[in-house]
Amino acid sequence: MATKTPAKKTIVKSAPSLILLKKKESILLKEITFIEKNLANYRAERKASWKSFKSKMELDINQIKKSIEALTQTEE
């Protein structure tokens, strides 16, 4: 009985086609554009939120100052 040696399998990796590479590049560029747009929107939203927060805090501070003035005037 003859012994058989297992045949070695060679794995041939084919290079990705140029079309596939271009498609992946296009998808990645679209994702980058999407992320940049979201970042710009986030900045604008955060800035608007900050302005709103700041104006509310200024109103609250002014109200507290008026209350302090009213307290000090009644003590005199």
N, C-alpha and C. Protein backbone atom coordinates (compact mmCIF):
# COMPACT_ATOMS: atom_id res chain seq x y z
N MET A 1 0.85 -1.17 0.00
CA MET A 1 0.00 0.00 0.00
C MET A 1 0.89 1.23 0.00
N ALA A 2 0.66 2.10 -0.92
CA ALA A 2 1.48 3.30 -1.05
C ALA A 2 0.89 4.41 -0.19
N THR A 3 1.77 5.14 0.43
CA THR A 3 1.31 6.25 1.27
C THR A 3 1.23 7.50 0.41
N LYS A 4 0.18 8.20 0.60
CA LYS A 4 0.00 9.44 -0.16
C LYS A 4 0.38 10.62 0.72
N THR A 5 1.16 11.48 0.19
CA THR A 5 1.48 12.71 0.92
C THR A 5 0.46 13.76 0.51
N PRO A 6 -0.02 14.49 1.50
CA PRO A 6 -1.04 15.49 1.16
C PRO A 6 -0.45 16.55 0.23
N ALA A 7 -1.20 16.93 -0.74
CA ALA A 7 -0.76 17.96 -1.68
C ALA A 7 -0.83 19.31 -0.98
N LYS A 8 0.16 20.11 -1.20
CA LYS A 8 0.18 21.45 -0.61
C LYS A 8 -0.73 22.35 -1.42
N LYS A 9 -1.54 23.04 -0.69
CA LYS A 9 -2.44 23.98 -1.35
C LYS A 9 -1.77 25.34 -1.39
N THR A 10 -1.77 25.92 -2.51
CA THR A 10 -1.21 27.25 -2.63
C THR A 10 -2.36 28.24 -2.68
N ILE A 11 -2.24 29.23 -1.88
CA ILE A 11 -3.27 30.25 -1.81
C ILE A 11 -2.81 31.42 -2.67
N VAL A 12 -3.60 31.70 -3.64
CA VAL A 12 -3.28 32.80 -4.54
C VAL A 12 -4.22 33.94 -4.20
N LYS A 13 -3.64 35.03 -3.77
CA LYS A 13 -4.45 36.21 -3.46
C LYS A 13 -4.47 37.09 -4.71
N SER A 14 -5.64 37.28 -5.22
CA SER A 14 -5.74 38.13 -6.40
C SER A 14 -5.81 39.58 -5.94
N ALA A 15 -5.20 40.42 -6.68
CA ALA A 15 -5.21 41.85 -6.36
C ALA A 15 -6.61 42.38 -6.59
N PRO A 16 -7.09 43.24 -5.67
CA PRO A 16 -8.44 43.79 -5.87
C PRO A 16 -8.47 44.62 -7.14
N SER A 17 -9.57 44.56 -7.79
CA SER A 17 -9.69 45.29 -9.05
C SER A 17 -9.68 46.79 -8.80
N LEU A 18 -9.32 47.51 -9.81
CA LEU A 18 -9.26 48.97 -9.72
C LEU A 18 -10.65 49.54 -9.46
N ILE A 19 -11.66 48.93 -10.03
CA ILE A 19 -13.04 49.41 -9.82
C ILE A 19 -13.43 49.26 -8.36
N LEU A 20 -13.08 48.14 -7.76
CA LEU A 20 -13.41 47.91 -6.35
C LEU A 20 -12.70 48.92 -5.46
N LEU A 21 -11.44 49.19 -5.77
CA LEU A 21 -10.69 50.18 -4.98
C LEU A 21 -11.32 51.56 -5.11
N LYS A 22 -11.72 51.94 -6.31
CA LYS A 22 -12.34 53.24 -6.53
C LYS A 22 -13.68 53.33 -5.79
N LYS A 23 -14.42 52.23 -5.78
CA LYS A 23 -15.70 52.22 -5.08
C LYS A 23 -15.49 52.40 -3.58
N LYS A 24 -14.52 51.68 -3.02
CA LYS A 24 -14.22 51.83 -1.59
C LYS A 24 -13.75 53.24 -1.27
N GLU A 25 -12.93 53.79 -2.14
CA GLU A 25 -12.45 55.16 -1.94
C GLU A 25 -13.61 56.13 -1.95
N SER A 26 -14.54 55.94 -2.89
CA SER A 26 -15.71 56.81 -2.99
C SER A 26 -16.55 56.73 -1.71
N ILE A 27 -16.75 55.53 -1.22
CA ILE A 27 -17.53 55.34 0.01
C ILE A 27 -16.85 56.04 1.18
N LEU A 28 -15.54 55.88 1.29
CA LEU A 28 -14.81 56.51 2.39
C LEU A 28 -14.85 58.03 2.30
N LEU A 29 -14.74 58.56 1.09
CA LEU A 29 -14.81 60.01 0.91
C LEU A 29 -16.19 60.54 1.29
N LYS A 30 -17.24 59.78 0.96
CA LYS A 30 -18.59 60.19 1.35
C LYS A 30 -18.73 60.17 2.86
N GLU A 31 -18.17 59.17 3.51
CA GLU A 31 -18.23 59.10 4.97
C GLU A 31 -17.50 60.27 5.61
N ILE A 32 -16.34 60.64 5.05
CA ILE A 32 -15.59 61.78 5.57
C ILE A 32 -16.41 63.05 5.43
N THR A 33 -17.04 63.24 4.27
CA THR A 33 -17.86 64.42 4.05
C THR A 33 -19.02 64.46 5.04
N PHE A 34 -19.66 63.31 5.26
CA PHE A 34 -20.76 63.21 6.21
C PHE A 34 -20.31 63.59 7.62
N ILE A 35 -19.15 63.08 8.03
CA ILE A 35 -18.62 63.38 9.37
C ILE A 35 -18.28 64.86 9.50
N GLU A 36 -17.67 65.42 8.46
CA GLU A 36 -17.33 66.85 8.51
C GLU A 36 -18.58 67.71 8.61
N LYS A 37 -19.63 67.32 7.88
CA LYS A 37 -20.89 68.07 7.93
C LYS A 37 -21.49 67.99 9.33
N ASN A 38 -21.50 66.80 9.89
CA ASN A 38 -22.03 66.64 11.25
C ASN A 38 -21.23 67.43 12.26
N LEU A 39 -19.92 67.48 12.09
CA LEU A 39 -19.07 68.25 12.99
C LEU A 39 -19.41 69.73 12.91
N ALA A 40 -19.60 70.23 11.70
CA ALA A 40 -19.95 71.64 11.52
C ALA A 40 -21.31 71.92 12.16
N ASN A 41 -22.28 71.02 11.97
CA ASN A 41 -23.60 71.19 12.58
C ASN A 41 -23.50 71.17 14.10
N TYR A 42 -22.67 70.26 14.62
CA TYR A 42 -22.50 70.16 16.08
C TYR A 42 -21.90 71.45 16.63
N ARG A 43 -20.90 71.98 15.93
CA ARG A 43 -20.29 73.24 16.39
C ARG A 43 -21.32 74.36 16.43
N ALA A 44 -22.11 74.47 15.36
CA ALA A 44 -23.12 75.54 15.31
C ALA A 44 -24.15 75.35 16.41
N GLU A 45 -24.59 74.12 16.62
CA GLU A 45 -25.58 73.84 17.67
C GLU A 45 -25.01 74.13 19.04
N ARG A 46 -23.78 73.73 19.28
CA ARG A 46 -23.15 73.95 20.58
C ARG A 46 -22.98 75.45 20.84
N LYS A 47 -22.60 76.16 19.78
CA LYS A 47 -22.42 77.60 19.91
C LYS A 47 -23.76 78.27 20.23
N ALA A 48 -24.81 77.86 19.55
CA ALA A 48 -26.13 78.42 19.81
C ALA A 48 -26.58 78.07 21.22
N SER A 49 -26.33 76.86 21.64
CA SER A 49 -26.71 76.46 23.00
C SER A 49 -25.93 77.27 24.03
N TRP A 50 -24.66 77.52 23.75
CA TRP A 50 -23.85 78.30 24.67
C TRP A 50 -24.39 79.71 24.79
N LYS A 51 -24.77 80.31 23.67
CA LYS A 51 -25.30 81.67 23.71
C LYS A 51 -26.58 81.71 24.53
N SER A 52 -27.43 80.73 24.35
CA SER A 52 -28.68 80.66 25.10
C SER A 52 -28.39 80.49 26.59
N PHE A 53 -27.49 79.58 26.91
CA PHE A 53 -27.11 79.34 28.30
C PHE A 53 -26.53 80.59 28.93
N LYS A 54 -25.63 81.25 28.19
CA LYS A 54 -24.98 82.45 28.71
C LYS A 54 -25.99 83.56 28.97
N SER A 55 -26.91 83.78 28.06
CA SER A 55 -27.89 84.85 28.26
C SER A 55 -28.81 84.54 29.44
N LYS A 56 -29.19 83.26 29.60
CA LYS A 56 -30.02 82.88 30.75
C LYS A 56 -29.25 83.10 32.05
N MET A 57 -27.98 82.74 32.07
CA MET A 57 -27.18 82.93 33.28
C MET A 57 -27.03 84.41 33.59
N GLU A 58 -26.85 85.23 32.56
CA GLU A 58 -26.73 86.67 32.79
C GLU A 58 -28.02 87.24 33.36
N LEU A 59 -29.16 86.76 32.84
CA LEU A 59 -30.45 87.20 33.39
C LEU A 59 -30.60 86.78 34.85
N ASP A 60 -30.22 85.54 35.14
CA ASP A 60 -30.31 85.05 36.51
C ASP A 60 -29.39 85.85 37.45
N ILE A 61 -28.19 86.15 37.00
CA ILE A 61 -27.25 86.93 37.81
C ILE A 61 -27.79 88.33 38.06
N ASN A 62 -28.35 88.95 37.01
CA ASN A 62 -28.92 90.28 37.18
C ASN A 62 -30.10 90.26 38.15
N GLN A 63 -30.91 89.22 38.09
CA GLN A 63 -32.03 89.10 39.02
C GLN A 63 -31.53 88.94 40.45
N ILE A 64 -30.50 88.16 40.64
CA ILE A 64 -29.92 87.98 41.98
C ILE A 64 -29.35 89.30 42.49
N LYS A 65 -28.67 90.04 41.61
CA LYS A 65 -28.11 91.34 42.01
C LYS A 65 -29.23 92.30 42.42
N LYS A 66 -30.33 92.30 41.66
CA LYS A 66 -31.47 93.15 42.02
C LYS A 66 -32.06 92.75 43.36
N SER A 67 -32.12 91.45 43.59
CA SER A 67 -32.64 90.97 44.88
C SER A 67 -31.73 91.40 46.02
N ILE A 68 -30.42 91.32 45.80
CA ILE A 68 -29.45 91.75 46.83
C ILE A 68 -29.61 93.25 47.08
N GLU A 69 -29.76 94.03 46.01
CA GLU A 69 -29.95 95.47 46.17
C GLU A 69 -31.23 95.77 46.95
N ALA A 70 -32.27 95.01 46.61
CA ALA A 70 -33.55 95.21 47.33
C ALA A 70 -33.41 94.87 48.79
N LEU A 71 -32.66 93.85 49.13
CA LEU A 71 -32.44 93.48 50.54
C LEU A 71 -31.63 94.53 51.27
N THR A 72 -30.61 95.05 50.62
CA THR A 72 -29.76 96.04 51.28
C THR A 72 -30.50 97.37 51.44
N GLN A 73 -31.39 97.69 50.51
CA GLN A 73 -32.15 98.94 50.61
C GLN A 73 -33.17 98.88 51.73
N THR A 74 -33.75 97.72 51.96
CA THR A 74 -34.75 97.61 53.04
C THR A 74 -34.09 97.63 54.40
N GLU A 75 -32.82 97.26 54.48
CA GLU A 75 -32.12 97.25 55.77
C GLU A 75 -31.74 98.64 56.20
N GLU A 76 -31.62 99.59 55.24
CA GLU A 76 -31.17 100.93 55.58
C GLU A 76 -32.23 101.79 56.15
